[in-house]
Amino acid sequence: MASDNHRGKTGIFYTKDPGGVIVMKDGEILHQYKSVNELVEAHVKGVAALEREMEELLARHYRPD
């Protein structure tokens, strides 16, 4: 559970000690990254996976079996 000063917060928060990034929704920590670069890498990988899924879905829809 998040501390009282984060209760109900949603967003991306940067930490100094230890350095990193916390992603929160409604005061709950969804994920904590060691650096901004780690967050960006995870985001890029996630977007690439979604694009692959969309391409496969469209291919199945428009190409007959």
Protein backbone atom coordinates (compact mmCIF):
# COMPACT_ATOMS: atom_id res chain seq x y z
CA MET A 1 0.00 0.00 0.00
CA ALA A 2 1.22 3.49 -0.77
CA SER A 3 1.99 6.04 1.91
CA ASP A 4 -0.60 8.63 2.99
CA ASN A 5 0.95 11.34 0.80
CA HIS A 6 0.32 9.13 -2.29
CA ARG A 7 -3.23 8.07 -1.35
CA GLY A 8 -5.46 8.22 -4.43
CA LYS A 9 -2.72 9.48 -6.75
CA THR A 10 -2.43 8.28 -10.34
CA GLY A 11 0.56 8.97 -12.53
CA ILE A 12 4.26 8.57 -13.05
CA PHE A 13 6.41 9.75 -10.16
CA TYR A 14 10.17 10.16 -10.09
CA THR A 15 12.11 9.18 -6.97
CA LYS A 16 15.51 10.42 -5.81
CA ASP A 17 16.52 7.99 -3.06
CA PRO A 18 16.67 5.44 -4.45
CA GLY A 19 16.50 6.94 -7.91
CA GLY A 20 13.83 5.57 -10.19
CA VAL A 21 10.28 5.83 -11.42
CA ILE A 22 7.04 4.67 -9.81
CA VAL A 23 3.85 4.13 -11.82
CA MET A 24 0.75 4.49 -9.64
CA LYS A 25 -3.00 4.18 -10.09
CA ASP A 26 -5.42 5.25 -7.37
CA GLY A 27 -2.61 5.27 -4.81
CA GLU A 28 -1.43 1.74 -5.60
CA ILE A 29 2.02 1.11 -7.06
CA LEU A 30 1.62 -0.75 -10.35
CA HIS A 31 5.33 -0.97 -11.10
CA GLN A 32 8.59 0.49 -9.93
CA TYR A 33 11.47 1.01 -12.37
CA LYS A 34 15.12 1.51 -11.45
CA SER A 35 15.51 4.30 -14.03
CA VAL A 36 13.70 6.32 -16.66
CA ASN A 37 15.53 4.28 -19.30
CA GLU A 38 14.08 1.07 -17.85
CA LEU A 39 10.57 2.58 -18.03
CA VAL A 40 11.12 3.67 -21.65
CA GLU A 41 12.48 0.24 -22.65
CA ALA A 42 9.46 -1.48 -21.09
CA HIS A 43 7.10 0.92 -22.87
CA VAL A 44 8.77 0.38 -26.25
CA LYS A 45 8.61 -3.41 -25.81
CA GLY A 46 4.93 -3.19 -24.83
CA VAL A 47 4.02 -1.03 -27.83
CA ALA A 48 5.91 -3.39 -30.17
CA ALA A 49 4.01 -6.37 -28.74
CA LEU A 50 0.68 -4.59 -29.24
CA GLU A 51 1.62 -3.73 -32.83
CA ARG A 52 2.51 -7.38 -33.54
CA GLU A 53 -0.82 -8.51 -32.09
CA MET A 54 -2.70 -5.95 -34.21
CA GLU A 55 -0.87 -7.03 -37.37
CA GLU A 56 -1.72 -10.68 -36.68
CA LEU A 57 -5.36 -9.81 -36.01
CA LEU A 58 -5.65 -7.80 -39.22
CA ALA A 59 -3.91 -10.53 -41.23
CA ARG A 60 -6.37 -13.14 -39.93
CA HIS A 61 -9.30 -10.86 -40.70
CA TYR A 62 -8.32 -9.97 -44.28
CA ARG A 63 -6.56 -13.13 -45.45
CA PRO A 64 -8.78 -16.13 -46.08
CA ASP A 65 -7.68 -19.45 -44.63
